[in-house]
Amino acid sequence: MSAPTTRPPEPTAAPEQVNGSGAAGPNTGAAAKSGVPKRIAPYQLTGAESVVRSLEELDVELVFGIPGGAVLPVY
């Protein structure tokens, strides 16, 4: 089983409507219409994807390592 080569698309939020007072209106978005927040389907990450995402969040630009069978998907 091979790891996916691309990330799933990032969820986008609809722009909130603003009432005259500058605060978000009481009936904005899909959650207000149904009373239940919109759910996004779960996505299972591989270990390599978890490592890479963590490094991206920490703004890591360079990683040293010894490639081998166990860590090859990270590279």
PDB file of N, CA and C in Angstrom:
ATOM      1  N   MET A   1       0.843  -1.174   0.000  1.00  0.00           N
ATOM      2  CA  MET A   1       0.000   0.000   0.000  1.00  0.00           C
ATOM      3  C   MET A   1       0.889   1.236   0.000  1.00  0.00           C
ATOM      4  N   SER A   2       0.685   2.098  -0.948  1.00  0.00           N
ATOM      5  CA  SER A   2       1.518   3.297  -1.032  1.00  0.00           C
ATOM      6  C   SER A   2       0.767   4.501  -0.477  1.00  0.00           C
ATOM      7  N   ALA A   3       1.516   5.484  -0.041  1.00  0.00           N
ATOM      8  CA  ALA A   3       0.939   6.697   0.530  1.00  0.00           C
ATOM      9  C   ALA A   3       0.417   7.597  -0.582  1.00  0.00           C
ATOM     10  N   PRO A   4      -0.635   8.366  -0.298  1.00  0.00           N
ATOM     11  CA  PRO A   4      -1.120   9.322  -1.296  1.00  0.00           C
ATOM     12  C   PRO A   4      -0.029  10.332  -1.629  1.00  0.00           C
ATOM     13  N   THR A   5      -0.021  10.798  -2.866  1.00  0.00           N
ATOM     14  CA  THR A   5       1.024  11.729  -3.279  1.00  0.00           C
ATOM     15  C   THR A   5       0.630  13.180  -3.095  1.00  0.00           C
ATOM     16  N   THR A   6      -0.642  13.450  -2.857  1.00  0.00           N
ATOM     17  CA  THR A   6      -1.078  14.829  -2.665  1.00  0.00           C
ATOM     18  C   THR A   6      -1.930  14.938  -1.421  1.00  0.00           C
ATOM     19  N   ARG A   7      -1.988  16.130  -0.884  1.00  0.00           N
ATOM     20  CA  ARG A   7      -2.845  16.399   0.262  1.00  0.00           C
ATOM     21  C   ARG A   7      -4.280  16.577  -0.198  1.00  0.00           C
ATOM     22  N   PRO A   8      -5.232  16.266   0.670  1.00  0.00           N
ATOM     23  CA  PRO A   8      -6.614  16.571   0.316  1.00  0.00           C
ATOM     24  C   PRO A   8      -6.801  18.081   0.313  1.00  0.00           C
ATOM     25  N   PRO A   9      -7.772  18.593  -0.411  1.00  0.00           N
ATOM     26  CA  PRO A   9      -7.972  20.041  -0.440  1.00  0.00           C
ATOM     27  C   PRO A   9      -8.318  20.574   0.941  1.00  0.00           C
ATOM     28  N   GLU A  10      -7.794  21.748   1.254  1.00  0.00           N
ATOM     29  CA  GLU A  10      -8.087  22.389   2.529  1.00  0.00           C
ATOM     30  C   GLU A  10      -9.536  22.856   2.538  1.00  0.00           C
ATOM     31  N   PRO A  11     -10.252  22.667   3.658  1.00  0.00           N
ATOM     32  CA  PRO A  11     -11.634  23.147   3.714  1.00  0.00           C
ATOM     33  C   PRO A  11     -11.663  24.669   3.688  1.00  0.00           C
ATOM     34  N   THR A  12     -12.642  25.209   2.998  1.00  0.00           N
ATOM     35  CA  THR A  12     -12.778  26.656   2.937  1.00  0.00           C
ATOM     36  C   THR A  12     -14.062  27.057   3.629  1.00  0.00           C
ATOM     37  N   ALA A  13     -14.001  28.112   4.382  1.00  0.00           N
ATOM     38  CA  ALA A  13     -15.176  28.615   5.084  1.00  0.00           C
ATOM     39  C   ALA A  13     -15.823  29.713   4.260  1.00  0.00           C
ATOM     40  N   ALA A  14     -17.140  29.736   4.292  1.00  0.00           N
ATOM     41  CA  ALA A  14     -17.871  30.790   3.591  1.00  0.00           C
ATOM     42  C   ALA A  14     -17.710  32.092   4.361  1.00  0.00           C
ATOM     43  N   PRO A  15     -17.608  33.209   3.678  1.00  0.00           N
ATOM     44  CA  PRO A  15     -17.481  34.485   4.386  1.00  0.00           C
ATOM     45  C   PRO A  15     -18.723  34.749   5.223  1.00  0.00           C
ATOM     46  N   GLU A  16     -18.505  35.235   6.426  1.00  0.00           N
ATOM     47  CA  GLU A  16     -19.628  35.522   7.318  1.00  0.00           C
ATOM     48  C   GLU A  16     -20.293  36.832   6.918  1.00  0.00           C
ATOM     49  N   GLN A  17     -21.599  36.846   7.082  1.00  0.00           N
ATOM     50  CA  GLN A  17     -22.334  38.075   6.837  1.00  0.00           C
ATOM     51  C   GLN A  17     -22.213  38.933   8.086  1.00  0.00           C
ATOM     52  N   VAL A  18     -22.120  40.215   7.888  1.00  0.00           N
ATOM     53  CA  VAL A  18     -21.954  41.133   9.012  1.00  0.00           C
ATOM     54  C   VAL A  18     -23.172  42.031   9.091  1.00  0.00           C
ATOM     55  N   ASN A  19     -23.737  42.159  10.316  1.00  0.00           N
ATOM     56  CA  ASN A  19     -24.887  43.046  10.466  1.00  0.00           C
ATOM     57  C   ASN A  19     -24.417  44.476  10.700  1.00  0.00           C
ATOM     58  N   GLY A  20     -25.323  45.400  10.891  1.00  0.00           N
ATOM     59  CA  GLY A  20     -24.986  46.812  11.006  1.00  0.00           C
ATOM     60  C   GLY A  20     -24.073  47.150  12.165  1.00  0.00           C
ATOM     61  N   SER A  21     -24.059  46.338  13.235  1.00  0.00           N
ATOM     62  CA  SER A  21     -23.235  46.658  14.396  1.00  0.00           C
ATOM     63  C   SER A  21     -21.798  46.181  14.249  1.00  0.00           C
ATOM     64  N   GLY A  22     -21.497  45.469  13.165  1.00  0.00           N
ATOM     65  CA  GLY A  22     -20.137  44.983  12.969  1.00  0.00           C
ATOM     66  C   GLY A  22     -19.920  43.589  13.516  1.00  0.00           C
ATOM     67  N   ALA A  23     -20.910  43.003  14.178  1.00  0.00           N
ATOM     68  CA  ALA A  23     -20.795  41.649  14.697  1.00  0.00           C
ATOM     69  C   ALA A  23     -21.421  40.677  13.712  1.00  0.00           C
ATOM     70  N   ALA A  24     -21.035  39.431  13.813  1.00  0.00           N
ATOM     71  CA  ALA A  24     -21.605  38.426  12.926  1.00  0.00           C
ATOM     72  C   ALA A  24     -23.084  38.270  13.230  1.00  0.00           C
ATOM     73  N   GLY A  25     -23.867  38.126  12.200  1.00  0.00           N
ATOM     74  CA  GLY A  25     -25.306  37.982  12.368  1.00  0.00           C
ATOM     75  C   GLY A  25     -25.670  36.651  12.993  1.00  0.00           C
ATOM     76  N   PRO A  26     -26.876  36.541  13.576  1.00  0.00           N
ATOM     77  CA  PRO A  26     -27.259  35.324  14.276  1.00  0.00           C
ATOM     78  C   PRO A  26     -27.537  34.145  13.347  1.00  0.00           C
ATOM     79  N   ASN A  27     -27.863  34.388  12.087  1.00  0.00           N
ATOM     80  CA  ASN A  27     -28.217  33.304  11.175  1.00  0.00           C
ATOM     81  C   ASN A  27     -27.219  33.179  10.035  1.00  0.00           C
ATOM     82  N   THR A  28     -25.934  33.138  10.344  1.00  0.00           N
ATOM     83  CA  THR A  28     -24.928  33.052   9.282  1.00  0.00           C
ATOM     84  C   THR A  28     -24.406  31.637   9.174  1.00  0.00           C
ATOM     85  N   GLY A  29     -24.101  31.215   7.965  1.00  0.00           N
ATOM     86  CA  GLY A  29     -23.465  29.927   7.730  1.00  0.00           C
ATOM     87  C   GLY A  29     -24.420  28.756   7.789  1.00  0.00           C
ATOM     88  N   ALA A  30     -23.926  27.582   7.381  1.00  0.00           N
ATOM     89  CA  ALA A  30     -24.727  26.367   7.342  1.00  0.00           C
ATOM     90  C   ALA A  30     -25.052  25.859   8.737  1.00  0.00           C
ATOM     91  N   ALA A  31     -24.170  26.108   9.703  1.00  0.00           N
ATOM     92  CA  ALA A  31     -24.400  25.615  11.053  1.00  0.00           C
ATOM     93  C   ALA A  31     -25.631  26.256  11.670  1.00  0.00           C
ATOM     94  N   ALA A  32     -25.855  27.532  11.409  1.00  0.00           N
ATOM     95  CA  ALA A  32     -27.004  28.223  11.980  1.00  0.00           C
ATOM     96  C   ALA A  32     -28.304  27.729  11.362  1.00  0.00           C
ATOM     97  N   LYS A  33     -28.286  27.364  10.091  1.00  0.00           N
ATOM     98  CA  LYS A  33     -29.498  26.900   9.425  1.00  0.00           C
ATOM     99  C   LYS A  33     -29.952  25.557   9.968  1.00  0.00           C
ATOM    100  N   SER A  34     -29.038  24.627  10.164  1.00  0.00           N
ATOM    101  CA  SER A  34     -29.418  23.293  10.612  1.00  0.00           C
ATOM    102  C   SER A  34     -29.214  23.097  12.106  1.00  0.00           C
ATOM    103  N   GLY A  35     -28.471  23.985  12.757  1.00  0.00           N
ATOM    104  CA  GLY A  35     -28.198  23.841  14.179  1.00  0.00           C
ATOM    105  C   GLY A  35     -27.041  22.890  14.465  1.00  0.00           C
ATOM    106  N   VAL A  36     -26.502  22.252  13.433  1.00  0.00           N
ATOM    107  CA  VAL A  36     -25.402  21.305  13.594  1.00  0.00           C
ATOM    108  C   VAL A  36     -24.242  21.767  12.721  1.00  0.00           C
ATOM    109  N   PRO A  37     -23.022  21.835  13.276  1.00  0.00           N
ATOM    110  CA  PRO A  37     -21.885  22.257  12.452  1.00  0.00           C
ATOM    111  C   PRO A  37     -21.644  21.274  11.310  1.00  0.00           C
ATOM    112  N   LYS A  38     -21.171  21.808  10.187  1.00  0.00           N
ATOM    113  CA  LYS A  38     -20.860  20.975   9.028  1.00  0.00           C
ATOM    114  C   LYS A  38     -19.657  20.104   9.353  1.00  0.00           C
ATOM    115  N   ARG A  39     -19.758  18.824   9.049  1.00  0.00           N
ATOM    116  CA  ARG A  39     -18.672  17.890   9.335  1.00  0.00           C
ATOM    117  C   ARG A  39     -17.874  17.611   8.074  1.00  0.00           C
ATOM    118  N   ILE A  40     -16.584  17.456   8.254  1.00  0.00           N
ATOM    119  CA  ILE A  40     -15.689  17.123   7.154  1.00  0.00           C
ATOM    120  C   ILE A  40     -15.317  15.651   7.311  1.00  0.00           C
ATOM    121  N   ALA A  41     -15.317  14.921   6.213  1.00  0.00           N
ATOM    122  CA  ALA A  41     -14.984  13.498   6.259  1.00  0.00           C
ATOM    123  C   ALA A  41     -13.577  13.307   6.819  1.00  0.00           C
ATOM    124  N   PRO A  42     -13.383  12.292   7.671  1.00  0.00           N
ATOM    125  CA  PRO A  42     -12.046  12.057   8.224  1.00  0.00           C
ATOM    126  C   PRO A  42     -11.074  11.608   7.141  1.00  0.00           C
ATOM    127  N   TYR A  43      -9.822  11.916   7.355  1.00  0.00           N
ATOM    128  CA  TYR A  43      -8.766  11.541   6.421  1.00  0.00           C
ATOM    129  C   TYR A  43      -7.642  10.920   7.232  1.00  0.00           C
ATOM    130  N   GLN A  44      -7.290   9.691   6.935  1.00  0.00           N
ATOM    131  CA  GLN A  44      -6.240   9.009   7.667  1.00  0.00           C
ATOM    132  C   GLN A  44      -4.884   9.357   7.068  1.00  0.00           C
ATOM    133  N   LEU A  45      -3.998   9.884   7.911  1.00  0.00           N
ATOM    134  CA  LEU A  45      -2.648  10.240   7.480  1.00  0.00           C
ATOM    135  C   LEU A  45      -1.709   9.061   7.670  1.00  0.00           C
ATOM    136  N   THR A  46      -0.714   8.983   6.814  1.00  0.00           N
ATOM    137  CA  THR A  46       0.362   8.018   7.031  1.00  0.00           C
ATOM    138  C   THR A  46       1.343   8.633   8.029  1.00  0.00           C
ATOM    139  N   GLY A  47       2.232   7.820   8.548  1.00  0.00           N
ATOM    140  CA  GLY A  47       3.248   8.336   9.461  1.00  0.00           C
ATOM    141  C   GLY A  47       4.126   9.378   8.794  1.00  0.00           C
ATOM    142  N   ALA A  48       4.476   9.145   7.528  1.00  0.00           N
ATOM    143  CA  ALA A  48       5.311  10.097   6.791  1.00  0.00           C
ATOM    144  C   ALA A  48       4.597  11.434   6.629  1.00  0.00           C
ATOM    145  N   GLU A  49       3.295  11.397   6.310  1.00  0.00           N
ATOM    146  CA  GLU A  49       2.538  12.648   6.158  1.00  0.00           C
ATOM    147  C   GLU A  49       2.478  13.409   7.478  1.00  0.00           C
ATOM    148  N   SER A  50       2.334  12.691   8.587  1.00  0.00           N
ATOM    149  CA  SER A  50       2.299  13.336   9.901  1.00  0.00           C
ATOM    150  C   SER A  50       3.615  14.041  10.207  1.00  0.00           C
ATOM    151  N   VAL A  51       4.727  13.373   9.903  1.00  0.00           N
ATOM    152  CA  VAL A  51       6.048  13.968  10.142  1.00  0.00           C
ATOM    153  C   VAL A  51       6.229  15.210   9.283  1.00  0.00           C
ATOM    154  N   VAL A  52       5.904  15.107   7.993  1.00  0.00           N
ATOM    155  CA  VAL A  52       6.089  16.236   7.082  1.00  0.00           C
ATOM    156  C   VAL A  52       5.203  17.404   7.483  1.00  0.00           C
ATOM    157  N   ARG A  53       3.960  17.157   7.825  1.00  0.00           N
ATOM    158  CA  ARG A  53       3.069  18.252   8.241  1.00  0.00           C
ATOM    159  C   ARG A  53       3.572  18.930   9.508  1.00  0.00           C
ATOM    160  N   SER A  54       4.075  18.134  10.450  1.00  0.00           N
ATOM    161  CA  SER A  54       4.623  18.719  11.677  1.00  0.00           C
ATOM    162  C   SER A  54       5.824  19.603  11.368  1.00  0.00           C
ATOM    163  N   LEU A  55       6.698  19.133  10.490  1.00  0.00           N
ATOM    164  CA  LEU A  55       7.865  19.935  10.111  1.00  0.00           C
ATOM    165  C   LEU A  55       7.442  21.207   9.382  1.00  0.00           C
ATOM    166  N   GLU A  56       6.415  21.122   8.528  1.00  0.00           N
ATOM    167  CA  GLU A  56       5.913  22.306   7.829  1.00  0.00           C
ATOM    168  C   GLU A  56       5.345  23.329   8.810  1.00  0.00           C
ATOM    169  N   GLU A  57       4.614  22.857   9.816  1.00  0.00           N
ATOM    170  CA  GLU A  57       4.039  23.769  10.809  1.00  0.00           C
ATOM    171  C   GLU A  57       5.120  24.475  11.617  1.00  0.00           C
ATOM    172  N   LEU A  58       6.260  23.831  11.775  1.00  0.00           N
ATOM    173  CA  LEU A  58       7.382  24.429  12.504  1.00  0.00           C
ATOM    174  C   LEU A  58       8.305  25.228  11.594  1.00  0.00           C
ATOM    175  N   ASP A  59       7.920  25.385  10.319  1.00  0.00           N
ATOM    176  CA  ASP A  59       8.703  26.129   9.326  1.00  0.00           C
ATOM    177  C   ASP A  59      10.108  25.562   9.131  1.00  0.00           C
ATOM    178  N   VAL A  60      10.241  24.246   9.241  1.00  0.00           N
ATOM    179  CA  VAL A  60      11.524  23.591   8.994  1.00  0.00           C
ATOM    180  C   VAL A  60      11.780  23.601   7.494  1.00  0.00           C
ATOM    181  N   GLU A  61      12.965  24.028   7.097  1.00  0.00           N
ATOM    182  CA  GLU A  61      13.303  24.112   5.681  1.00  0.00           C
ATOM    183  C   GLU A  61      14.288  23.039   5.238  1.00  0.00           C
ATOM    184  N   LEU A  62      15.040  22.459   6.157  1.00  0.00           N
ATOM    185  CA  LEU A  62      16.073  21.500   5.788  1.00  0.00           C
ATOM    186  C   LEU A  62      16.082  20.366   6.802  1.00  0.00           C
ATOM    187  N   VAL A  63      16.110  19.131   6.302  1.00  0.00           N
ATOM    188  CA  VAL A  63      16.114  17.951   7.165  1.00  0.00           C
ATOM    189  C   VAL A  63      17.244  17.040   6.713  1.00  0.00           C
ATOM    190  N   PHE A  64      18.043  16.564   7.659  1.00  0.00           N
ATOM    191  CA  PHE A  64      19.099  15.603   7.368  1.00  0.00           C
ATOM    192  C   PHE A  64      18.636  14.230   7.819  1.00  0.00           C
ATOM    193  N   GLY A  65      18.993  13.218   7.081  1.00  0.00           N
ATOM    194  CA  GLY A  65      18.632  11.867   7.477  1.00  0.00           C
ATOM    195  C   GLY A  65      19.302  10.847   6.597  1.00  0.00           C
ATOM    196  N   ILE A  66      19.158   9.597   6.984  1.00  0.00           N
ATOM    197  CA  ILE A  66      19.689   8.495   6.197  1.00  0.00           C
ATOM    198  C   ILE A  66      18.493   7.768   5.599  1.00  0.00           C
ATOM    199  N   PRO A  67      18.272   7.915   4.278  1.00  0.00           N
ATOM    200  CA  PRO A  67      17.123   7.252   3.676  1.00  0.00           C
ATOM    201  C   PRO A  67      17.261   5.730   3.740  1.00  0.00           C
ATOM    202  N   GLY A  68      16.176   5.110   4.024  1.00  0.00           N
ATOM    203  CA  GLY A  68      16.123   3.657   4.061  1.00  0.00           C
ATOM    204  C   GLY A  68      14.683   3.224   3.847  1.00  0.00           C
ATOM    205  N   GLY A  69      14.446   1.950   3.854  1.00  0.00           N
ATOM    206  CA  GLY A  69      13.112   1.436   3.586  1.00  0.00           C
ATOM    207  C   GLY A  69      12.057   1.963   4.535  1.00  0.00           C
ATOM    208  N   ALA A  70      12.382   2.092   5.821  1.00  0.00           N
ATOM    209  CA  ALA A  70      11.387   2.500   6.810  1.00  0.00           C
ATOM    210  C   ALA A  70      11.047   3.982   6.729  1.00  0.00           C
ATOM    211  N   VAL A  71      11.986   4.833   6.360  1.00  0.00           N
ATOM    212  CA  VAL A  71      11.740   6.277   6.345  1.00  0.00           C
ATOM    213  C   VAL A  71      11.651   6.853   4.941  1.00  0.00           C
ATOM    214  N   LEU A  72      11.741   6.024   3.935  1.00  0.00           N
ATOM    215  CA  LEU A  72      11.732   6.497   2.555  1.00  0.00           C
ATOM    216  C   LEU A  72      10.508   7.347   2.211  1.00  0.00           C
ATOM    217  N   PRO A  73       9.289   7.018   2.679  1.00  0.00           N
ATOM    218  CA  PRO A  73       8.135   7.860   2.332  1.00  0.00           C
ATOM    219  C   PRO A  73       8.245   9.302   2.821  1.00  0.00           C
ATOM    220  N   VAL A  74       9.038   9.552   3.867  1.00  0.00           N
ATOM    221  CA  VAL A  74       9.198  10.921   4.366  1.00  0.00           C
ATOM    222  C   VAL A  74       9.931  11.774   3.344  1.00  0.00           C
ATOM    223  N   TYR A  75      10.883  11.184   2.622  1.00  0.00           N
ATOM    224  CA  TYR A  75      11.654  11.930   1.645  1.00  0.00           C
ATOM    225  C   TYR A  75      10.878  12.087   0.369  1.00  0.00           C
TER     226      TYR A  75
END
